[in-house]
Amino acid sequence: MDDMTFIPSENPGAFERHLIRKNDNPLFEERKTAVNSDTLREAQEKDHEILKQFMMDFKETMLKAVEFKPNEDSEVILEIKDSLDKLYAASATVADDQTRIQESIKKFLGIIMQAVRKGAGDDGQALQELDQEDAAREANFSFLESKLAADILDADSPIEDVDLVPTLLSAGKDDLALATQLFDKAQIDYVLTEAEKLLNKLESQGEDVKNAAENFVFIEGYKHYLEKNQ
């Protein structure tokens, strides 16, 4: 082992978060991890590479955004808007505090959306669709306040399919409240079925699953909410 000591980051990235999530956690069974200097270093290095790419993408998009003109071609406007939306989602998963970057992205998105609305003129249907897009974006950004929800939504997330159920059962209540809303009833049914099998198995092995069982009840409650509001 390397003599250099690695300590958990104050604002870890997705790989370090998942490593810590799995640390000596029986819910992950044979996939549970042990956090030490070697495993931390490996996760932090992965997160650092992702952060470097994110910062490059952010700078590139900001250069396009600051050169943006009110009469810009619609294709260019939509490309910048799409890039900013993706950057905001990425900012919720990468390491370090990205609050200032998120504020910058929101600012430029506001400018872009003003230009799009101007282009829509008096087209009522187009303006209504833009209102719906703004509302959907705001809802998505609120989900991304939860690191767990952000990690689940990330296409390159270290949370593999096989880790989803133990991840939800390990989550804090605030994270779980947001994360469960990402799933439809069929997906929640699957999560509950697999979670029940896992909890029964671990309980029979003498593992303490009290917190996980509480999360199971919470997810079950969300299922009933979905059924009631269908």
C-alpha atoms as a PDB file:
ATOM      1  CA  MET A   1       0.000   0.000   0.000  1.00  0.00           C
ATOM      2  CA  ASP A   2       1.134   3.544  -0.727  1.00  0.00           C
ATOM      3  CA  ASP A   3       2.478   5.478   2.275  1.00  0.00           C
ATOM      4  CA  MET A   4       0.444   8.514   1.258  1.00  0.00           C
ATOM      5  CA  THR A   5      -2.814   8.796   3.197  1.00  0.00           C
ATOM      6  CA  PHE A   6      -6.011   9.671   1.358  1.00  0.00           C
ATOM      7  CA  ILE A   7      -8.962  11.120   3.221  1.00  0.00           C
ATOM      8  CA  PRO A   8     -12.548  11.394   1.954  1.00  0.00           C
ATOM      9  CA  SER A   9     -13.231  14.547  -0.043  1.00  0.00           C
ATOM     10  CA  GLU A  10     -15.341  17.354   1.388  1.00  0.00           C
ATOM     11  CA  ASN A  11     -17.324  17.407  -1.880  1.00  0.00           C
ATOM     12  CA  PRO A  12     -16.785  13.961  -3.437  1.00  0.00           C
ATOM     13  CA  GLY A  13     -17.627  13.004  -6.992  1.00  0.00           C
ATOM     14  CA  ALA A  14     -19.909  10.154  -8.035  1.00  0.00           C
ATOM     15  CA  PHE A  15     -17.300   7.371  -7.841  1.00  0.00           C
ATOM     16  CA  GLU A  16     -16.125   8.336  -4.384  1.00  0.00           C
ATOM     17  CA  ARG A  17     -19.729   8.715  -3.203  1.00  0.00           C
ATOM     18  CA  HIS A  18     -20.554   5.223  -4.426  1.00  0.00           C
ATOM     19  CA  LEU A  19     -17.408   3.758  -2.880  1.00  0.00           C
ATOM     20  CA  ILE A  20     -18.378   5.222   0.503  1.00  0.00           C
ATOM     21  CA  ARG A  21     -21.998   4.135   0.015  1.00  0.00           C
ATOM     22  CA  LYS A  22     -20.805   0.540  -0.400  1.00  0.00           C
ATOM     23  CA  ASN A  23     -18.290   0.687   2.442  1.00  0.00           C
ATOM     24  CA  ASP A  24     -18.734  -2.421   4.585  1.00  0.00           C
ATOM     25  CA  ASN A  25     -22.426  -2.325   3.609  1.00  0.00           C
ATOM     26  CA  PRO A  26     -24.028  -5.788   3.712  1.00  0.00           C
ATOM     27  CA  LEU A  27     -26.846  -4.609   1.419  1.00  0.00           C
ATOM     28  CA  PHE A  28     -24.350  -4.783  -1.459  1.00  0.00           C
ATOM     29  CA  GLU A  29     -23.411  -8.355  -0.465  1.00  0.00           C
ATOM     30  CA  GLU A  30     -20.225  -9.456  -2.293  1.00  0.00           C
ATOM     31  CA  ARG A  31     -19.986  -6.048  -3.988  1.00  0.00           C
ATOM     32  CA  LYS A  32     -19.492  -4.171  -0.726  1.00  0.00           C
ATOM     33  CA  THR A  33     -16.220  -2.250  -0.505  1.00  0.00           C
ATOM     34  CA  ALA A  34     -13.606  -1.316   2.045  1.00  0.00           C
ATOM     35  CA  VAL A  35     -12.615   2.335   2.084  1.00  0.00           C
ATOM     36  CA  ASN A  36      -8.854   2.706   2.465  1.00  0.00           C
ATOM     37  CA  SER A  37      -6.119   4.851   0.944  1.00  0.00           C
ATOM     38  CA  ASP A  38      -5.930   2.696  -2.193  1.00  0.00           C
ATOM     39  CA  THR A  39      -9.647   2.507  -2.961  1.00  0.00           C
ATOM     40  CA  LEU A  40     -10.130   6.189  -2.137  1.00  0.00           C
ATOM     41  CA  ARG A  41      -7.266   7.197  -4.387  1.00  0.00           C
ATOM     42  CA  GLU A  42      -8.664   5.141  -7.272  1.00  0.00           C
ATOM     43  CA  ALA A  43     -12.158   6.652  -6.903  1.00  0.00           C
ATOM     44  CA  GLN A  44     -10.804  10.185  -6.491  1.00  0.00           C
ATOM     45  CA  GLU A  45      -8.636   9.808  -9.597  1.00  0.00           C
ATOM     46  CA  LYS A  46     -11.675   8.723 -11.646  1.00  0.00           C
ATOM     47  CA  ASP A  47     -13.666  11.667 -10.307  1.00  0.00           C
ATOM     48  CA  HIS A  48     -10.775  14.033 -11.060  1.00  0.00           C
ATOM     49  CA  GLU A  49     -10.667  12.923 -14.709  1.00  0.00           C
ATOM     50  CA  ILE A  50     -14.429  13.435 -15.006  1.00  0.00           C
ATOM     51  CA  LEU A  51     -14.098  16.868 -13.374  1.00  0.00           C
ATOM     52  CA  LYS A  52     -11.338  17.872 -15.814  1.00  0.00           C
ATOM     53  CA  GLN A  53     -13.536  16.956 -18.785  1.00  0.00           C
ATOM     54  CA  PHE A  54     -16.493  18.775 -17.236  1.00  0.00           C
ATOM     55  CA  MET A  55     -14.455  21.965 -16.789  1.00  0.00           C
ATOM     56  CA  MET A  56     -13.260  21.773 -20.396  1.00  0.00           C
ATOM     57  CA  ASP A  57     -16.836  21.338 -21.629  1.00  0.00           C
ATOM     58  CA  PHE A  58     -18.004  24.188 -19.387  1.00  0.00           C
ATOM     59  CA  LYS A  59     -15.355  26.613 -20.691  1.00  0.00           C
ATOM     60  CA  GLU A  60     -16.078  25.662 -24.297  1.00  0.00           C
ATOM     61  CA  THR A  61     -19.823  26.203 -23.858  1.00  0.00           C
ATOM     62  CA  MET A  62     -19.314  29.482 -21.976  1.00  0.00           C
ATOM     63  CA  LEU A  63     -17.190  30.807 -24.854  1.00  0.00           C
ATOM     64  CA  LYS A  64     -20.082  30.095 -27.218  1.00  0.00           C
ATOM     65  CA  ALA A  65     -22.586  31.569 -24.777  1.00  0.00           C
ATOM     66  CA  VAL A  66     -20.758  34.887 -24.248  1.00  0.00           C
ATOM     67  CA  GLU A  67     -20.447  35.312 -28.017  1.00  0.00           C
ATOM     68  CA  PHE A  68     -24.154  34.681 -28.384  1.00  0.00           C
ATOM     69  CA  LYS A  69     -26.072  37.346 -30.322  1.00  0.00           C
ATOM     70  CA  PRO A  70     -29.814  38.107 -29.892  1.00  0.00           C
ATOM     71  CA  ASN A  71     -30.376  37.450 -33.611  1.00  0.00           C
ATOM     72  CA  GLU A  72     -28.359  34.225 -33.561  1.00  0.00           C
ATOM     73  CA  ASP A  73     -29.427  31.371 -35.816  1.00  0.00           C
ATOM     74  CA  SER A  74     -32.034  29.181 -34.072  1.00  0.00           C
ATOM     75  CA  GLU A  75     -29.924  26.052 -34.563  1.00  0.00           C
ATOM     76  CA  VAL A  76     -27.025  27.667 -32.678  1.00  0.00           C
ATOM     77  CA  ILE A  77     -29.370  28.841 -29.908  1.00  0.00           C
ATOM     78  CA  LEU A  78     -30.821  25.356 -29.408  1.00  0.00           C
ATOM     79  CA  GLU A  79     -27.359  23.782 -29.438  1.00  0.00           C
ATOM     80  CA  ILE A  80     -26.137  26.116 -26.682  1.00  0.00           C
ATOM     81  CA  LYS A  81     -29.331  25.551 -24.669  1.00  0.00           C
ATOM     82  CA  ASP A  82     -28.928  21.780 -24.920  1.00  0.00           C
ATOM     83  CA  SER A  83     -25.265  22.021 -23.869  1.00  0.00           C
ATOM     84  CA  LEU A  84     -26.152  24.184 -20.855  1.00  0.00           C
ATOM     85  CA  ASP A  85     -28.868  21.748 -19.726  1.00  0.00           C
ATOM     86  CA  LYS A  86     -26.423  18.836 -19.955  1.00  0.00           C
ATOM     87  CA  LEU A  87     -23.729  20.810 -18.143  1.00  0.00           C
ATOM     88  CA  TYR A  88     -26.074  21.578 -15.260  1.00  0.00           C
ATOM     89  CA  ALA A  89     -26.922  17.888 -14.898  1.00  0.00           C
ATOM     90  CA  ALA A  90     -23.212  17.030 -14.961  1.00  0.00           C
ATOM     91  CA  SER A  91     -22.429  19.727 -12.390  1.00  0.00           C
ATOM     92  CA  ALA A  92     -24.584  17.881  -9.864  1.00  0.00           C
ATOM     93  CA  THR A  93     -22.488  14.708 -10.108  1.00  0.00           C
ATOM     94  CA  VAL A  94     -18.887  15.929 -10.375  1.00  0.00           C
ATOM     95  CA  ALA A  95     -16.526  16.571  -7.462  1.00  0.00           C
ATOM     96  CA  ASP A  96     -16.032  19.911  -5.654  1.00  0.00           C
ATOM     97  CA  ASP A  97     -18.548  22.660  -4.938  1.00  0.00           C
ATOM     98  CA  GLN A  98     -20.100  23.685  -8.260  1.00  0.00           C
ATOM     99  CA  THR A  99     -22.540  26.282  -6.871  1.00  0.00           C
ATOM    100  CA  ARG A 100     -20.994  29.221  -8.743  1.00  0.00           C
ATOM    101  CA  ILE A 101     -20.863  27.286 -11.997  1.00  0.00           C
ATOM    102  CA  GLN A 102     -24.505  26.271 -11.570  1.00  0.00           C
ATOM    103  CA  GLU A 103     -25.444  29.923 -11.040  1.00  0.00           C
ATOM    104  CA  SER A 104     -23.590  30.846 -14.248  1.00  0.00           C
ATOM    105  CA  ILE A 105     -25.351  28.113 -16.196  1.00  0.00           C
ATOM    106  CA  LYS A 106     -28.758  29.257 -14.919  1.00  0.00           C
ATOM    107  CA  LYS A 107     -27.939  32.865 -15.840  1.00  0.00           C
ATOM    108  CA  PHE A 108     -27.025  31.983 -19.412  1.00  0.00           C
ATOM    109  CA  LEU A 109     -30.003  29.657 -19.742  1.00  0.00           C
ATOM    110  CA  GLY A 110     -32.196  32.616 -18.784  1.00  0.00           C
ATOM    111  CA  ILE A 111     -30.594  34.730 -21.523  1.00  0.00           C
ATOM    112  CA  ILE A 112     -30.978  31.939 -24.080  1.00  0.00           C
ATOM    113  CA  MET A 113     -34.634  31.355 -23.161  1.00  0.00           C
ATOM    114  CA  GLN A 114     -35.353  35.086 -23.521  1.00  0.00           C
ATOM    115  CA  ALA A 115     -33.991  34.918 -27.073  1.00  0.00           C
ATOM    116  CA  VAL A 116     -36.047  31.797 -27.823  1.00  0.00           C
ATOM    117  CA  ARG A 117     -39.190  33.511 -26.514  1.00  0.00           C
ATOM    118  CA  LYS A 118     -38.427  36.570 -28.608  1.00  0.00           C
ATOM    119  CA  GLY A 119     -38.141  34.319 -31.645  1.00  0.00           C
ATOM    120  CA  ALA A 120     -41.510  32.767 -30.821  1.00  0.00           C
ATOM    121  CA  GLY A 121     -43.135  36.199 -31.090  1.00  0.00           C
ATOM    122  CA  ASP A 122     -46.896  36.034 -30.520  1.00  0.00           C
ATOM    123  CA  ASP A 123     -47.180  32.316 -31.245  1.00  0.00           C
ATOM    124  CA  GLY A 124     -49.346  31.220 -28.303  1.00  0.00           C
ATOM    125  CA  GLN A 125     -48.676  27.503 -28.714  1.00  0.00           C
ATOM    126  CA  ALA A 126     -44.920  28.017 -28.937  1.00  0.00           C
ATOM    127  CA  LEU A 127     -44.952  30.205 -25.817  1.00  0.00           C
ATOM    128  CA  GLN A 128     -47.000  27.613 -23.950  1.00  0.00           C
ATOM    129  CA  GLU A 129     -44.501  24.913 -24.900  1.00  0.00           C
ATOM    130  CA  LEU A 130     -41.678  27.143 -23.655  1.00  0.00           C
ATOM    131  CA  ASP A 131     -43.518  27.595 -20.343  1.00  0.00           C
ATOM    132  CA  GLN A 132     -43.768  23.810 -20.065  1.00  0.00           C
ATOM    133  CA  GLU A 133     -40.068  23.439 -20.883  1.00  0.00           C
ATOM    134  CA  ASP A 134     -39.143  25.989 -18.191  1.00  0.00           C
ATOM    135  CA  ALA A 135     -41.300  24.150 -15.637  1.00  0.00           C
ATOM    136  CA  ALA A 136     -39.763  20.785 -16.568  1.00  0.00           C
ATOM    137  CA  ARG A 137     -36.265  22.248 -16.304  1.00  0.00           C
ATOM    138  CA  GLU A 138     -37.014  23.726 -12.889  1.00  0.00           C
ATOM    139  CA  ALA A 139     -38.371  20.365 -11.693  1.00  0.00           C
ATOM    140  CA  ASN A 140     -35.317  18.553 -13.026  1.00  0.00           C
ATOM    141  CA  PHE A 141     -32.956  21.017 -11.337  1.00  0.00           C
ATOM    142  CA  SER A 142     -34.752  20.453  -8.033  1.00  0.00           C
ATOM    143  CA  PHE A 143     -34.176  16.682  -8.393  1.00  0.00           C
ATOM    144  CA  LEU A 144     -30.487  17.369  -8.993  1.00  0.00           C
ATOM    145  CA  GLU A 145     -30.213  18.965  -5.551  1.00  0.00           C
ATOM    146  CA  SER A 146     -30.064  15.361  -4.356  1.00  0.00           C
ATOM    147  CA  LYS A 147     -26.688  13.807  -5.164  1.00  0.00           C
ATOM    148  CA  LEU A 148     -28.349  10.396  -5.175  1.00  0.00           C
ATOM    149  CA  ALA A 149     -30.970  11.455  -7.714  1.00  0.00           C
ATOM    150  CA  ALA A 150     -28.249  13.114  -9.808  1.00  0.00           C
ATOM    151  CA  ASP A 151     -26.163   9.935  -9.749  1.00  0.00           C
ATOM    152  CA  ILE A 152     -29.136   7.774 -10.743  1.00  0.00           C
ATOM    153  CA  LEU A 153     -30.004  10.100 -13.637  1.00  0.00           C
ATOM    154  CA  ASP A 154     -26.409  10.190 -14.894  1.00  0.00           C
ATOM    155  CA  ALA A 155     -25.968   7.945 -17.945  1.00  0.00           C
ATOM    156  CA  ASP A 156     -22.366   7.250 -16.859  1.00  0.00           C
ATOM    157  CA  SER A 157     -23.220   6.673 -13.213  1.00  0.00           C
ATOM    158  CA  PRO A 158     -21.118   4.233 -11.177  1.00  0.00           C
ATOM    159  CA  ILE A 159     -24.421   2.931  -9.781  1.00  0.00           C
ATOM    160  CA  GLU A 160     -24.930  -0.163 -11.900  1.00  0.00           C
ATOM    161  CA  ASP A 161     -28.368  -1.744 -12.284  1.00  0.00           C
ATOM    162  CA  VAL A 162     -27.479  -4.446  -9.773  1.00  0.00           C
ATOM    163  CA  ASP A 163     -26.638  -1.741  -7.220  1.00  0.00           C
ATOM    164  CA  LEU A 164     -29.867   0.240  -7.539  1.00  0.00           C
ATOM    165  CA  VAL A 165     -31.903  -1.571  -4.875  1.00  0.00           C
ATOM    166  CA  PRO A 166     -29.173  -1.609  -2.185  1.00  0.00           C
ATOM    167  CA  THR A 167     -28.422   2.020  -3.016  1.00  0.00           C
ATOM    168  CA  LEU A 168     -32.040   3.054  -2.413  1.00  0.00           C
ATOM    169  CA  LEU A 169     -32.216   0.968   0.767  1.00  0.00           C
ATOM    170  CA  SER A 170     -29.033   2.681   2.016  1.00  0.00           C
ATOM    171  CA  ALA A 171     -30.154   6.229   1.225  1.00  0.00           C
ATOM    172  CA  GLY A 172     -30.925   9.009   3.673  1.00  0.00           C
ATOM    173  CA  LYS A 173     -34.591   9.923   3.891  1.00  0.00           C
ATOM    174  CA  ASP A 174     -34.293  13.274   2.067  1.00  0.00           C
ATOM    175  CA  ASP A 175     -32.399  11.670  -0.818  1.00  0.00           C
ATOM    176  CA  LEU A 176     -34.840   8.774  -0.941  1.00  0.00           C
ATOM    177  CA  ALA A 177     -37.839  11.132  -1.064  1.00  0.00           C
ATOM    178  CA  LEU A 178     -36.491  12.693  -4.262  1.00  0.00           C
ATOM    179  CA  ALA A 179     -34.985   9.551  -5.808  1.00  0.00           C
ATOM    180  CA  THR A 180     -38.194   7.498  -5.620  1.00  0.00           C
ATOM    181  CA  GLN A 181     -39.969  10.125  -7.740  1.00  0.00           C
ATOM    182  CA  LEU A 182     -37.688   9.202 -10.660  1.00  0.00           C
ATOM    183  CA  PHE A 183     -39.468   5.846 -11.054  1.00  0.00           C
ATOM    184  CA  ASP A 184     -42.845   4.817 -12.413  1.00  0.00           C
ATOM    185  CA  LYS A 185     -45.103   2.234 -10.758  1.00  0.00           C
ATOM    186  CA  ALA A 186     -43.682  -0.748 -12.693  1.00  0.00           C
ATOM    187  CA  GLN A 187     -40.143   0.230 -11.689  1.00  0.00           C
ATOM    188  CA  ILE A 188     -41.173   0.747  -8.061  1.00  0.00           C
ATOM    189  CA  ASP A 189     -42.822  -2.696  -8.081  1.00  0.00           C
ATOM    190  CA  TYR A 190     -39.540  -4.206  -9.286  1.00  0.00           C
ATOM    191  CA  VAL A 191     -37.542  -2.335  -6.621  1.00  0.00           C
ATOM    192  CA  LEU A 192     -39.883  -3.537  -3.859  1.00  0.00           C
ATOM    193  CA  THR A 193     -39.820  -7.151  -5.057  1.00  0.00           C
ATOM    194  CA  GLU A 194     -36.017  -7.243  -5.165  1.00  0.00           C
ATOM    195  CA  ALA A 195     -35.700  -5.291  -1.920  1.00  0.00           C
ATOM    196  CA  GLU A 196     -37.957  -7.728  -0.059  1.00  0.00           C
ATOM    197  CA  LYS A 197     -35.877 -10.697  -1.254  1.00  0.00           C
ATOM    198  CA  LEU A 198     -32.653  -8.964  -0.222  1.00  0.00           C
ATOM    199  CA  LEU A 199     -33.922  -7.923   3.210  1.00  0.00           C
ATOM    200  CA  ASN A 200     -35.292 -11.407   3.972  1.00  0.00           C
ATOM    201  CA  LYS A 201     -31.990 -12.969   2.965  1.00  0.00           C
ATOM    202  CA  LEU A 202     -29.871 -10.609   5.061  1.00  0.00           C
ATOM    203  CA  GLU A 203     -32.207 -10.842   8.046  1.00  0.00           C
ATOM    204  CA  SER A 204     -31.931 -14.639   7.970  1.00  0.00           C
ATOM    205  CA  GLN A 205     -28.152 -14.179   8.095  1.00  0.00           C
ATOM    206  CA  GLY A 206     -28.424 -12.074  11.235  1.00  0.00           C
ATOM    207  CA  GLU A 207     -27.660  -8.728   9.600  1.00  0.00           C
ATOM    208  CA  ASP A 208     -29.113  -5.526  11.032  1.00  0.00           C
ATOM    209  CA  VAL A 209     -31.467  -4.221   8.342  1.00  0.00           C
ATOM    210  CA  LYS A 210     -33.526  -1.807  10.480  1.00  0.00           C
ATOM    211  CA  ASN A 211     -32.705   1.354   8.456  1.00  0.00           C
ATOM    212  CA  ALA A 212     -33.084  -0.494   5.179  1.00  0.00           C
ATOM    213  CA  ALA A 213     -36.468  -1.844   6.305  1.00  0.00           C
ATOM    214  CA  GLU A 214     -37.583   1.724   7.082  1.00  0.00           C
ATOM    215  CA  ASN A 215     -36.603   2.726   3.546  1.00  0.00           C
ATOM    216  CA  PHE A 216     -38.563  -0.231   2.203  1.00  0.00           C
ATOM    217  CA  VAL A 217     -41.681   1.015   4.019  1.00  0.00           C
ATOM    218  CA  PHE A 218     -41.101   4.514   2.611  1.00  0.00           C
ATOM    219  CA  ILE A 219     -40.839   3.173  -0.959  1.00  0.00           C
ATOM    220  CA  GLU A 220     -43.966   1.077  -0.351  1.00  0.00           C
ATOM    221  CA  GLY A 221     -45.744   4.258   0.740  1.00  0.00           C
ATOM    222  CA  TYR A 222     -44.709   5.949  -2.491  1.00  0.00           C
ATOM    223  CA  LYS A 223     -46.147   2.999  -4.444  1.00  0.00           C
ATOM    224  CA  HIS A 224     -49.506   3.484  -2.693  1.00  0.00           C
ATOM    225  CA  TYR A 225     -49.331   7.190  -3.539  1.00  0.00           C
ATOM    226  CA  LEU A 226     -48.821   6.338  -7.216  1.00  0.00           C
ATOM    227  CA  GLU A 227     -51.733   3.900  -7.201  1.00  0.00           C
ATOM    228  CA  LYS A 228     -53.996   6.476  -5.555  1.00  0.00           C
ATOM    229  CA  ASN A 229     -53.083   9.203  -8.038  1.00  0.00           C
ATOM    230  CA  GLN A 230     -53.141   7.223 -11.283  1.00  0.00           C
END
